[in-house]
């Protein structure tokens, strides 16, 4: 089977969506950039299947110029295939994408507001705040455009009344970032219970962003 290692990796991390409570049952989706039959594209979780039932042949390959009807698979790709495709087209550095309906990120996203720099770890998403994409119906071109806008100069964003999405140079990195975003959202909701948190200055966040470039290198 083509891309067997990648297919198994997607299944592994799909199961982790459940086991880490990052996304329950069938919610959320995962993809990896890949090549099949000399065609550049990505492998993505199928629509509507519980992660615990996934098999390698269930994972759907999509070309970067293909839509749902033209992918040739017997399975339907995740309903959110469109913004996965558009992230890969727009972000050449993106090699893996994790979309999750994680509890705290979804709760914060329901307010449709960006998360300000109440904590320096905001910088892990790539900027001095975490943007929230405007709401649009799931699976639509409008939602994809909103996500791409919110990801400008960012590695992750919230999706209004929906959840979060994060990308990385590999699946481990993308998944870890999604976990970080969920943790930041959890901390933010706790902070708001005590009132409006102190916000770090633009100057301080600029220093943090410079330091964050080397954070993952140890």
Protein backbone atom coordinates (compact mmCIF):
# COMPACT_ATOMS: atom_id res chain seq x y z
CA UNK A 1 0.00 0.00 0.00
CA UNK A 2 1.26 3.48 -0.87
CA UNK A 3 2.44 5.74 1.96
CA UNK A 4 1.82 3.00 4.53
CA UNK A 5 4.10 4.56 7.13
CA UNK A 6 2.33 7.91 6.82
CA UNK A 7 -1.08 6.27 6.97
CA UNK A 8 -0.13 4.44 10.17
CA UNK A 9 1.26 7.63 11.65
CA UNK A 10 -2.02 9.43 10.99
CA UNK A 11 -3.91 6.62 12.72
CA UNK A 12 -1.50 6.74 15.69
CA UNK A 13 -2.06 10.45 16.22
CA UNK A 14 -5.78 10.20 15.53
CA UNK A 15 -6.01 7.79 18.45
CA UNK A 16 -4.03 10.29 20.53
CA UNK A 17 -6.69 12.90 19.79
CA UNK A 18 -9.03 10.69 21.81
CA UNK A 19 -6.62 9.48 24.49
CA UNK A 20 -5.41 13.01 25.30
CA UNK A 21 -8.96 14.41 25.18
CA UNK A 22 -7.82 16.82 22.49
CA UNK A 23 -10.79 15.76 20.37
CA UNK A 24 -13.44 13.18 21.33
CA UNK A 25 -14.97 10.39 19.24
CA UNK A 26 -15.01 11.35 15.51
CA UNK A 27 -14.35 15.09 15.90
CA UNK A 28 -11.29 16.83 14.53
CA UNK A 29 -9.02 15.61 11.74
CA UNK A 30 -5.36 15.04 10.89
CA UNK A 31 -3.35 15.21 7.67
CA UNK A 32 0.19 14.80 6.35
CA UNK A 33 1.70 16.23 3.19
CA UNK A 34 2.63 13.46 0.76
CA UNK A 35 3.17 12.36 -2.84
CA UNK A 36 1.30 9.60 -4.65
CA UNK A 37 1.73 8.61 -8.31
CA UNK A 38 4.06 11.60 -8.74
CA UNK A 39 1.24 13.88 -7.60
CA UNK A 40 1.80 16.32 -4.75
CA UNK A 41 -0.93 16.26 -2.14
CA UNK A 42 -1.77 15.13 1.37
CA UNK A 43 -3.19 12.18 3.29
CA UNK A 44 -6.17 12.96 5.52
CA UNK A 45 -8.49 11.15 7.92
CA UNK A 46 -11.80 10.02 6.40
CA UNK A 47 -15.18 11.54 7.16
CA UNK A 48 -17.33 10.12 9.93
CA UNK A 49 -15.21 7.17 11.09
CA UNK A 50 -14.33 6.62 14.74
CA UNK A 51 -10.57 6.77 15.16
CA UNK A 52 -10.47 3.41 16.95
CA UNK A 53 -11.78 1.71 13.79
CA UNK A 54 -9.34 3.29 11.33
CA UNK A 55 -7.27 1.12 9.00
CA UNK A 56 -4.49 2.29 6.65
CA UNK A 57 -6.76 1.92 3.61
CA UNK A 58 -9.30 4.28 5.21
CA UNK A 59 -6.91 7.22 5.00
CA UNK A 60 -7.65 9.35 1.92
CA UNK A 61 -5.04 10.81 -0.44
CA UNK A 62 -5.98 14.16 -1.97
CA UNK A 63 -4.06 16.04 -4.66
CA UNK A 64 -3.49 19.75 -4.10
CA UNK A 65 -5.63 20.48 -7.17
CA UNK A 66 -8.40 18.02 -6.33
CA UNK A 67 -11.72 18.43 -4.60
CA UNK A 68 -13.77 15.81 -2.75
CA UNK A 69 -15.51 14.49 -5.84
CA UNK A 70 -12.33 13.98 -7.84
CA UNK A 71 -10.01 12.26 -5.37
CA UNK A 72 -10.82 8.73 -6.60
CA UNK A 73 -10.99 7.16 -3.13
CA UNK A 74 -13.78 4.88 -1.94
CA UNK A 75 -13.83 6.87 1.32
CA UNK A 76 -14.87 10.47 1.68
CA UNK A 77 -12.14 12.72 3.08
CA UNK A 78 -12.77 14.71 6.24
CA UNK A 79 -15.34 17.43 5.67
CA UNK A 80 -12.55 19.92 6.45
CA UNK A 81 -10.29 18.76 3.60
CA UNK A 82 -10.56 22.20 2.02
CA UNK A 83 -8.68 24.18 4.66
CA UNK A 84 -6.10 21.39 4.97
CA UNK A 85 -5.44 21.69 1.23
CA UNK A 86 -5.34 25.48 1.35
CA UNK A 87 -2.91 25.50 4.29
CA UNK A 88 -0.55 23.21 2.36
CA UNK A 89 -0.80 25.47 -0.68
CA UNK A 90 -0.34 28.68 1.33
CA UNK A 91 2.27 27.41 3.83
CA UNK A 92 5.14 25.65 2.12
CA UNK A 93 6.65 24.82 5.52
CA UNK A 94 3.50 22.98 6.62
CA UNK A 95 4.03 19.22 6.54
CA UNK A 96 1.34 18.15 9.01
CA UNK A 97 -1.95 19.61 10.28
CA UNK A 98 -3.98 18.87 13.40
CA UNK A 99 -7.52 20.20 13.73
CA UNK A 100 -9.17 19.62 17.11
CA UNK A 101 -12.40 20.43 18.91
CA UNK A 102 -10.46 20.57 22.18
CA UNK A 103 -12.65 21.70 25.11
CA UNK A 104 -10.94 24.91 26.23
CA UNK A 105 -9.94 26.09 22.75
CA UNK A 106 -13.52 25.55 21.59
CA UNK A 107 -14.88 27.41 24.62
CA UNK A 108 -12.61 30.40 24.01
CA UNK A 109 -13.38 30.31 20.27
CA UNK A 110 -17.08 30.69 21.02
CA UNK A 111 -16.33 34.32 21.92
CA UNK A 112 -14.77 34.92 18.49
CA UNK A 113 -11.86 36.90 19.89
CA UNK A 114 -8.10 36.61 19.63
CA UNK A 115 -6.17 35.58 22.75
CA UNK A 116 -3.96 38.49 23.86
CA UNK A 117 -0.44 37.97 25.26
CA UNK A 118 -1.44 37.28 28.87
CA UNK A 119 1.36 34.65 28.85
CA UNK A 120 4.57 34.56 26.87
CA UNK A 121 3.84 31.03 25.58
CA UNK A 122 1.41 32.69 23.18
CA UNK A 123 4.55 33.10 21.04
CA UNK A 124 4.56 29.38 20.23
CA UNK A 125 1.74 30.08 17.77
CA UNK A 126 4.08 32.45 15.92
CA UNK A 127 2.89 35.92 16.91
CA UNK A 128 2.05 38.24 19.78
CA UNK A 129 -1.51 36.87 19.98
CA UNK A 130 -3.51 33.85 18.83
CA UNK A 131 -5.97 34.89 16.14
CA UNK A 132 -9.51 33.57 15.94
CA UNK A 133 -10.83 32.89 12.44
CA UNK A 134 -14.28 34.31 11.78
CA UNK A 135 -17.12 31.81 11.82
CA UNK A 136 -18.31 30.07 8.68
CA UNK A 137 -20.08 26.76 8.13
CA UNK A 138 -17.75 23.77 8.45
CA UNK A 139 -16.27 22.44 5.22
CA UNK A 140 -16.90 25.62 3.23
CA UNK A 141 -14.60 27.71 1.10
CA UNK A 142 -15.51 30.69 3.27
CA UNK A 143 -14.23 28.92 6.38
CA UNK A 144 -11.01 28.00 4.61
CA UNK A 145 -10.42 31.62 3.62
CA UNK A 146 -11.06 32.73 7.19
CA UNK A 147 -8.60 30.18 8.55
CA UNK A 148 -5.87 31.19 6.09
CA UNK A 149 -6.36 34.83 7.10
CA UNK A 150 -6.09 34.00 10.82
CA UNK A 151 -2.93 31.94 10.15
CA UNK A 152 -1.09 34.84 8.55
CA UNK A 153 2.38 34.78 10.16
CA UNK A 154 1.08 32.12 12.57
CA UNK A 155 1.39 28.35 13.08
CA UNK A 156 -1.97 27.96 14.82
CA UNK A 157 -5.28 29.73 15.29
CA UNK A 158 -8.69 29.35 16.87
CA UNK A 159 -11.79 28.87 14.73
CA UNK A 160 -14.83 30.76 15.97
CA UNK A 161 -17.49 28.51 17.54
CA UNK A 162 -15.55 25.50 16.30
CA UNK A 163 -12.12 24.69 17.73
CA UNK A 164 -8.49 25.11 16.73
CA UNK A 165 -6.01 24.19 14.00
CA UNK A 166 -2.22 23.89 14.17
CA UNK A 167 0.47 22.89 11.68
CA UNK A 168 4.12 21.91 11.89
CA UNK A 169 7.08 20.45 10.04
CA UNK A 170 6.00 16.99 11.19
CA UNK A 171 3.03 15.42 12.91
CA UNK A 172 4.64 15.30 16.33
CA UNK A 173 5.32 19.04 16.17
CA UNK A 174 1.81 19.88 14.95
CA UNK A 175 0.20 17.71 17.63
CA UNK A 176 2.36 19.20 20.38
CA UNK A 177 1.43 22.70 19.26
CA UNK A 178 -2.27 21.79 19.35
CA UNK A 179 -1.74 20.59 22.92
CA UNK A 180 0.01 23.84 23.78
CA UNK A 181 -2.87 25.86 22.32
CA UNK A 182 -5.36 23.88 24.39
CA UNK A 183 -3.31 24.45 27.54
CA UNK A 184 -3.02 28.19 26.84
CA UNK A 185 -6.79 28.40 26.35
CA UNK A 186 -7.33 26.56 29.62
CA UNK A 187 -5.06 28.99 31.45
CA UNK A 188 -6.80 31.94 29.81
CA UNK A 189 -10.25 30.82 30.93
CA UNK A 190 -8.95 30.46 34.51
CA UNK A 191 -7.32 33.90 34.35
CA UNK A 192 -10.56 35.50 33.17
CA UNK A 193 -12.39 34.14 36.22
CA UNK A 194 -10.19 36.42 38.35
CA UNK A 195 -10.81 39.43 36.10
CA UNK A 196 -8.89 40.90 33.19
CA UNK A 197 -5.32 39.52 33.20
CA UNK A 198 -2.26 41.71 32.81
CA UNK A 199 -1.20 41.86 29.15
CA UNK A 200 2.45 41.73 28.17
CA UNK A 201 3.70 44.68 26.14
CA UNK A 202 4.46 44.62 22.43
CA UNK A 203 8.14 45.22 23.26
CA UNK A 204 8.24 42.26 25.65
CA UNK A 205 6.53 39.97 23.17
CA UNK A 206 9.03 40.97 20.51
CA UNK A 207 11.81 39.78 22.84
CA UNK A 208 9.92 36.56 23.54
CA UNK A 209 9.29 35.88 19.84
CA UNK A 210 13.02 36.22 19.17
CA UNK A 211 13.80 33.77 21.98
CA UNK A 212 10.99 31.39 20.94
CA UNK A 213 12.76 30.70 17.65
CA UNK A 214 15.27 28.59 19.61
CA UNK A 215 12.82 27.20 22.18
CA UNK A 216 12.23 23.86 20.48
CA UNK A 217 15.94 23.41 19.85
CA UNK A 218 16.52 23.12 23.61
